[in-house]
Amino acid sequence: MNPVTTDLPHLGTSIALTDGGLETTLVFLEGMDLPCFAAFPLLLDAAGRDRLDSYFRHYLDIAERHGLSFVLDTPTWRANPDWGEKLGFSREALVDIDRRAVAQAKALRAPYVARGMTVPVNGVLGPRGDGYRPDMKMTPVEASDYHRDQVVAFRDAGADMVSAVTMNYPEEAVGIACAAMGAGLPSVISFTVETDGRLPSGESLREAIETVDDETDGAPAYFMINCAHPSHFDSVLAEGGEWIRRIGGVRANASAKSHAELDAATELDPGDPADLGQRYRAMRDRFGHIKVLGGCCGTDHRHIAAICDACL
């Protein structure tokens, strides 16, 4: 099995950062109303765009202070046809959203790049259905067809890569990797796991990664784990195996709660930033090839700063 590719520029450095939990920060810390947990409608007005830029600058500044690369996401996790329809967006409108998202990210990164920082723009795709439940399963071919418009929009707008985030069953991940390969864009597949370290669909993380690699001839640049506390997947990584070399990044939750508990939560569980940082340090001590570090639900710039402090 091939290790993590080094073709993407941020992988040639010691560590690359991502942001934390965009939607949970906006909802629970900034008091915003995000119907369907979708941040992409903020791109449609100046106030919303300013809010997004302010959010991402916190993380860009942390990376710059530490001399690190930063993977700059587009806020498009919900910008697919099913979720778009719920929010009143046509397919054409979503393509425009994706292009706007890339353009805004490129403008935001420009001064950092001018100062010598590596900041790839990452077009983000989310699951067709619920991130915590595999409730709208597709075949790989169906998934490729379903997500292709968004991937192509990212490519045409000049994104450097795409990431499928919070994937909860392998077939959708296979389809997105194929769509990205067809569009000529590097892809990253990020799976989420339950408290037992298995995907919500029941597969082990190893089975999911090996399925995607087998069915795409190793197309993804690397894999990630997101939306799970490190305690949920520590034992999985401890099993060892060559497949772990394909995991290039982690975006963990600050909370150790299960997906069901998080889904029902009315208050944010921010966990302990220092503890999260130490868990990342322990992971990096064992698996130094895991270079892309960030956060997911319940994390903000404090958690990313703590991860930097612990891992550097």
Protein backbone atom coordinates (compact mmCIF):
# COMPACT_ATOMS: atom_id res chain seq x y z
CA MET A 1 0.00 0.00 0.00
CA ASN A 2 1.37 3.38 -0.99
CA PRO A 3 2.24 5.82 1.82
CA VAL A 4 0.91 9.37 1.98
CA THR A 5 1.83 11.19 -1.22
CA THR A 6 4.17 14.15 -0.94
CA ASP A 7 2.96 15.83 -4.12
CA LEU A 8 0.91 18.42 -2.24
CA PRO A 9 3.16 21.24 -1.02
CA HIS A 10 1.87 21.31 2.56
CA LEU A 11 3.01 17.71 3.06
CA GLY A 12 6.62 18.63 2.46
CA THR A 13 6.79 20.48 5.77
CA SER A 14 6.82 19.26 9.37
CA ILE A 15 3.20 20.05 10.22
CA ALA A 16 0.28 21.65 8.39
CA LEU A 17 -2.67 23.09 10.25
CA THR A 18 -6.37 23.31 9.45
CA ASP A 19 -9.09 25.27 11.19
CA GLY A 20 -11.34 23.94 13.94
CA GLY A 21 -15.09 23.47 13.99
CA LEU A 22 -16.47 26.17 11.71
CA GLU A 23 -20.15 25.49 12.17
CA THR A 24 -20.03 24.83 15.92
CA THR A 25 -18.00 28.01 16.41
CA LEU A 26 -20.48 30.10 14.46
CA VAL A 27 -23.53 28.59 16.15
CA PHE A 28 -22.44 28.09 19.75
CA LEU A 29 -19.73 30.72 20.22
CA GLU A 30 -20.92 33.48 17.91
CA GLY A 31 -24.67 32.94 18.26
CA MET A 32 -25.44 32.56 14.57
CA ASP A 33 -28.42 30.71 13.16
CA LEU A 34 -27.22 28.23 10.53
CA PRO A 35 -30.19 26.34 9.08
CA CYS A 36 -29.19 22.74 8.29
CA PHE A 37 -25.81 23.54 9.87
CA ALA A 38 -24.79 25.13 6.57
CA ALA A 39 -22.19 27.90 6.49
CA PHE A 40 -22.06 28.38 2.73
CA PRO A 41 -24.99 30.88 2.54
CA LEU A 42 -22.73 33.35 4.37
CA LEU A 43 -20.85 33.76 1.08
CA LEU A 44 -23.80 35.64 -0.41
CA ASP A 45 -23.45 38.92 1.49
CA ALA A 46 -20.61 41.13 2.63
CA ALA A 47 -21.30 40.67 6.34
CA GLY A 48 -21.25 36.91 5.98
CA ARG A 49 -18.05 36.94 3.97
CA ASP A 50 -16.41 39.18 6.57
CA ARG A 51 -17.50 36.76 9.30
CA LEU A 52 -15.90 33.85 7.44
CA ASP A 53 -12.68 35.76 6.78
CA SER A 54 -12.42 36.75 10.44
CA TYR A 55 -12.91 33.12 11.48
CA PHE A 56 -10.20 31.76 9.18
CA ARG A 57 -7.71 34.55 9.95
CA HIS A 58 -7.47 33.32 13.55
CA TYR A 59 -6.06 30.05 12.27
CA LEU A 60 -3.96 31.49 9.47
CA ASP A 61 -2.30 33.77 12.01
CA ILE A 62 -1.53 30.85 14.34
CA ALA A 63 0.06 28.94 11.46
CA GLU A 64 2.05 31.94 10.33
CA ARG A 65 3.38 32.63 13.83
CA HIS A 66 4.63 29.06 14.03
CA GLY A 67 6.03 28.98 10.51
CA LEU A 68 3.59 26.28 9.41
CA SER A 69 1.55 25.56 6.31
CA PHE A 70 -2.22 25.93 6.46
CA VAL A 71 -4.89 24.04 4.50
CA LEU A 72 -7.59 26.66 3.83
CA ASP A 73 -11.02 25.07 3.52
CA THR A 74 -14.01 26.38 1.64
CA PRO A 75 -17.19 26.58 3.82
CA THR A 76 -19.03 24.21 1.47
CA TRP A 77 -19.54 21.05 3.53
CA ARG A 78 -23.31 21.31 2.99
CA ALA A 79 -23.23 22.68 -0.56
CA ASN A 80 -24.52 19.60 -2.36
CA PRO A 81 -27.87 19.13 -4.15
CA ASP A 82 -29.86 17.50 -1.33
CA TRP A 83 -28.88 19.96 1.37
CA GLY A 84 -29.01 22.81 -1.12
CA GLU A 85 -32.60 21.94 -2.01
CA LYS A 86 -33.56 22.04 1.68
CA LEU A 87 -32.12 25.56 1.80
CA GLY A 88 -33.66 26.74 -1.48
CA PHE A 89 -30.57 26.56 -3.71
CA SER A 90 -30.66 25.15 -7.22
CA ARG A 91 -27.79 23.12 -8.66
CA GLU A 92 -26.72 26.13 -10.70
CA ALA A 93 -26.72 28.32 -7.61
CA LEU A 94 -24.57 25.78 -5.78
CA VAL A 95 -21.99 25.79 -8.56
CA ASP A 96 -21.85 29.57 -8.23
CA ILE A 97 -21.44 29.19 -4.46
CA ASP A 98 -18.53 26.79 -4.93
CA ARG A 99 -16.78 29.20 -7.27
CA ARG A 100 -17.35 32.11 -4.89
CA ALA A 101 -15.94 30.05 -2.05
CA VAL A 102 -12.71 29.31 -3.90
CA ALA A 103 -12.36 32.92 -5.03
CA GLN A 104 -12.80 34.18 -1.48
CA ALA A 105 -10.27 31.68 -0.11
CA LYS A 106 -7.73 32.68 -2.75
CA ALA A 107 -8.16 36.35 -1.87
CA LEU A 108 -7.85 35.63 1.85
CA ARG A 109 -4.66 33.62 1.47
CA ALA A 110 -2.94 36.10 -0.88
CA PRO A 111 -1.13 38.23 1.75
CA TYR A 112 0.01 35.14 3.63
CA VAL A 113 1.36 33.53 0.47
CA ALA A 114 3.09 36.81 -0.40
CA ARG A 115 4.93 36.51 2.92
CA GLY A 116 6.12 33.01 2.04
CA MET A 117 3.46 30.81 3.62
CA THR A 118 2.12 27.64 1.96
CA VAL A 119 -1.70 27.84 1.86
CA PRO A 120 -3.46 25.39 -0.48
CA VAL A 121 -7.14 26.11 -1.11
CA ASN A 122 -9.15 23.00 -0.27
CA GLY A 123 -12.59 22.51 -1.80
CA VAL A 124 -14.67 20.77 0.87
CA LEU A 125 -17.39 18.24 0.11
CA GLY A 126 -19.67 16.69 2.71
CA PRO A 127 -21.85 13.59 2.69
CA ARG A 128 -25.06 13.56 0.72
CA GLY A 129 -26.96 12.62 3.86
CA ASP A 130 -26.36 13.01 7.56
CA GLY A 131 -22.74 13.10 8.64
CA TYR A 132 -23.39 10.82 11.59
CA ARG A 133 -25.62 8.26 9.88
CA PRO A 134 -25.22 6.49 6.51
CA ASP A 135 -28.85 7.21 5.67
CA MET A 136 -28.56 7.86 1.93
CA LYS A 137 -26.23 5.16 0.64
CA MET A 138 -25.08 5.29 -2.97
CA THR A 139 -22.96 3.05 -5.14
CA PRO A 140 -19.55 4.45 -6.11
CA VAL A 141 -20.87 5.29 -9.59
CA GLU A 142 -23.90 7.09 -8.15
CA ALA A 143 -21.69 8.99 -5.71
CA SER A 144 -19.29 10.05 -8.45
CA ASP A 145 -22.17 11.35 -10.55
CA TYR A 146 -23.76 13.07 -7.56
CA HIS A 147 -20.64 14.97 -6.43
CA ARG A 148 -19.05 15.62 -9.84
CA ASP A 149 -20.53 19.10 -10.38
CA GLN A 150 -19.09 20.34 -7.11
CA VAL A 151 -15.66 18.85 -7.81
CA VAL A 152 -15.58 20.38 -11.29
CA ALA A 153 -16.67 23.76 -9.92
CA PHE A 154 -13.77 23.66 -7.48
CA ARG A 155 -11.35 22.77 -10.24
CA ASP A 156 -12.58 25.44 -12.61
CA ALA A 157 -12.33 28.07 -9.85
CA GLY A 158 -8.72 27.14 -9.15
CA ALA A 159 -8.83 25.04 -5.98
CA ASP A 160 -5.61 23.15 -5.27
CA MET A 161 -7.31 20.04 -3.88
CA VAL A 162 -10.62 18.66 -2.63
CA SER A 163 -11.49 16.89 0.59
CA ALA A 164 -14.47 14.69 1.36
CA VAL A 165 -15.11 15.30 5.05
CA THR A 166 -17.12 13.21 7.55
CA MET A 167 -17.52 10.25 5.24
CA ASN A 168 -19.41 7.51 7.04
CA TYR A 169 -19.36 4.65 4.52
CA PRO A 170 -16.80 3.67 1.87
CA GLU A 171 -18.82 3.76 -1.35
CA GLU A 172 -19.49 7.50 -1.27
CA ALA A 173 -15.80 8.09 -0.58
CA VAL A 174 -14.86 5.92 -3.56
CA GLY A 175 -17.19 7.92 -5.80
CA ILE A 176 -15.77 11.27 -4.70
CA ALA A 177 -12.19 10.06 -5.17
CA CYS A 178 -13.12 8.93 -8.70
CA ALA A 179 -14.81 12.25 -9.49
CA ALA A 180 -11.71 14.11 -8.31
CA MET A 181 -9.43 11.85 -10.32
CA GLY A 182 -11.55 12.48 -13.40
CA ALA A 183 -11.32 16.23 -12.82
CA GLY A 184 -7.57 16.09 -12.32
CA LEU A 185 -7.61 17.28 -8.70
CA PRO A 186 -5.83 15.70 -5.73
CA SER A 187 -8.31 14.32 -3.23
CA VAL A 188 -8.33 13.62 0.49
CA ILE A 189 -10.84 11.29 2.13
CA SER A 190 -11.70 11.90 5.78
CA PHE A 191 -13.71 9.22 7.59
CA THR A 192 -15.54 9.63 10.85
CA VAL A 193 -15.78 6.85 13.41
CA GLU A 194 -17.98 5.98 16.36
CA THR A 195 -16.76 5.51 19.93
CA ASP A 196 -15.70 1.94 19.04
CA GLY A 197 -13.43 3.17 16.25
CA ARG A 198 -15.63 1.79 13.47
CA LEU A 199 -17.46 3.75 10.79
CA PRO A 200 -21.18 4.43 11.39
CA SER A 201 -21.82 1.90 8.60
CA GLY A 202 -20.01 -0.78 10.59
CA GLU A 203 -16.75 -1.16 8.65
CA SER A 204 -13.44 -0.88 10.40
CA LEU A 205 -11.31 2.12 9.50
CA ARG A 206 -8.82 -0.24 7.91
CA GLU A 207 -11.53 -1.85 5.75
CA ALA A 208 -12.79 1.56 4.62
CA ILE A 209 -9.35 2.87 3.66
CA GLU A 210 -8.35 -0.32 1.90
CA THR A 211 -11.67 -0.40 0.02
CA VAL A 212 -11.15 3.13 -1.31
CA ASP A 213 -7.55 2.42 -2.26
CA ASP A 214 -8.41 -0.90 -3.91
CA GLU A 215 -11.27 0.55 -5.96
CA THR A 216 -9.44 3.74 -7.03
CA ASP A 217 -5.91 2.37 -7.44
CA GLY A 218 -4.78 4.50 -4.50
CA ALA A 219 -6.13 7.75 -5.92
CA PRO A 220 -6.48 9.80 -2.69
CA ALA A 221 -3.39 11.75 -1.71
CA TYR A 222 -4.03 10.66 1.87
CA PHE A 223 -6.78 9.86 4.33
CA MET A 224 -7.88 11.62 7.49
CA ILE A 225 -10.00 10.98 10.56
CA ASN A 226 -12.45 13.66 11.67
CA CYS A 227 -15.39 14.31 13.99
CA ALA A 228 -14.30 11.82 16.65
CA HIS A 229 -12.37 12.25 19.90
CA PRO A 230 -8.86 10.70 19.91
CA SER A 231 -10.01 8.24 22.56
CA HIS A 232 -12.40 6.81 19.97
CA PHE A 233 -9.67 5.78 17.55
CA ASP A 234 -6.51 5.45 19.65
CA SER A 235 -6.95 1.68 19.93
CA VAL A 236 -7.50 1.38 16.18
CA LEU A 237 -4.20 3.09 15.42
CA ALA A 238 -2.49 1.01 18.10
CA GLU A 239 -3.30 -2.15 16.13
CA GLY A 240 -0.65 -1.08 13.62
CA GLY A 241 -0.37 -2.17 10.02
CA GLU A 242 0.86 -0.73 6.76
CA TRP A 243 -2.56 0.82 6.07
CA ILE A 244 -1.96 3.38 8.82
CA ARG A 245 0.72 4.92 6.59
CA ARG A 246 -2.16 6.20 4.44
CA ILE A 247 -3.55 8.36 7.26
CA GLY A 248 -2.06 11.81 6.77
CA GLY A 249 -4.18 13.94 9.05
CA VAL A 250 -6.58 14.16 11.99
CA ARG A 251 -9.29 16.68 12.80
CA ALA A 252 -10.59 15.45 16.13
CA ASN A 253 -13.49 16.61 18.26
CA ALA A 254 -12.73 18.25 21.58
CA SER A 255 -15.62 16.35 23.13
CA ALA A 256 -15.46 12.64 23.95
CA LYS A 257 -19.23 12.35 23.47
CA SER A 258 -20.71 9.98 20.93
CA HIS A 259 -22.24 11.19 17.68
CA ALA A 260 -25.72 10.59 19.10
CA GLU A 261 -24.92 12.69 22.16
CA LEU A 262 -23.45 15.50 20.05
CA ASP A 263 -26.46 15.45 17.74
CA ALA A 264 -28.80 15.96 20.69
CA ALA A 265 -26.64 18.55 22.45
CA THR A 266 -28.00 22.06 23.00
CA GLU A 267 -24.76 23.38 24.47
CA LEU A 268 -21.19 23.21 23.22
CA ASP A 269 -18.80 20.76 24.85
CA PRO A 270 -15.38 22.36 24.28
CA GLY A 271 -13.48 19.65 26.15
CA ASP A 272 -9.99 20.54 27.38
CA PRO A 273 -7.72 22.21 24.78
CA ALA A 274 -4.54 21.28 26.68
CA ASP A 275 -5.59 17.64 26.96
CA LEU A 276 -6.46 17.54 23.27
CA GLY A 277 -3.03 18.97 22.45
CA GLN A 278 -1.30 16.30 24.51
CA ARG A 279 -3.30 13.58 22.79
CA TYR A 280 -2.15 14.91 19.43
CA ARG A 281 1.43 14.96 20.73
CA ALA A 282 1.18 11.31 21.80
CA MET A 283 -0.25 10.41 18.40
CA ARG A 284 2.51 12.29 16.57
CA ASP A 285 5.18 10.63 18.72
CA ARG A 286 3.98 7.26 17.44
CA PHE A 287 2.89 8.23 13.94
CA GLY A 288 5.09 11.04 12.71
CA HIS A 289 3.72 10.77 9.17
CA ILE A 290 0.39 12.23 10.40
CA LYS A 291 1.15 15.84 9.51
CA VAL A 292 -2.16 17.61 8.92
CA LEU A 293 -3.57 18.64 12.28
CA GLY A 294 -6.80 20.46 13.02
CA GLY A 295 -10.09 20.25 14.83
CA CYS A 296 -13.74 19.45 14.29
CA CYS A 297 -16.88 19.85 16.43
CA GLY A 298 -16.36 21.95 19.53
CA THR A 299 -12.85 23.12 18.66
CA ASP A 300 -11.78 26.68 18.02
CA HIS A 301 -8.52 28.62 17.72
CA ARG A 302 -7.68 27.84 21.36
CA HIS A 303 -7.55 24.13 20.60
CA ILE A 304 -5.42 24.60 17.49
CA ALA A 305 -3.01 26.79 19.47
CA ALA A 306 -2.80 24.08 22.14
CA ILE A 307 -2.09 21.45 19.49
CA CYS A 308 0.74 23.63 18.15
CA ASP A 309 2.15 24.15 21.63
CA ALA A 310 2.12 20.43 22.34
CA CYS A 311 3.36 19.17 18.99
CA LEU A 312 6.07 21.76 18.37
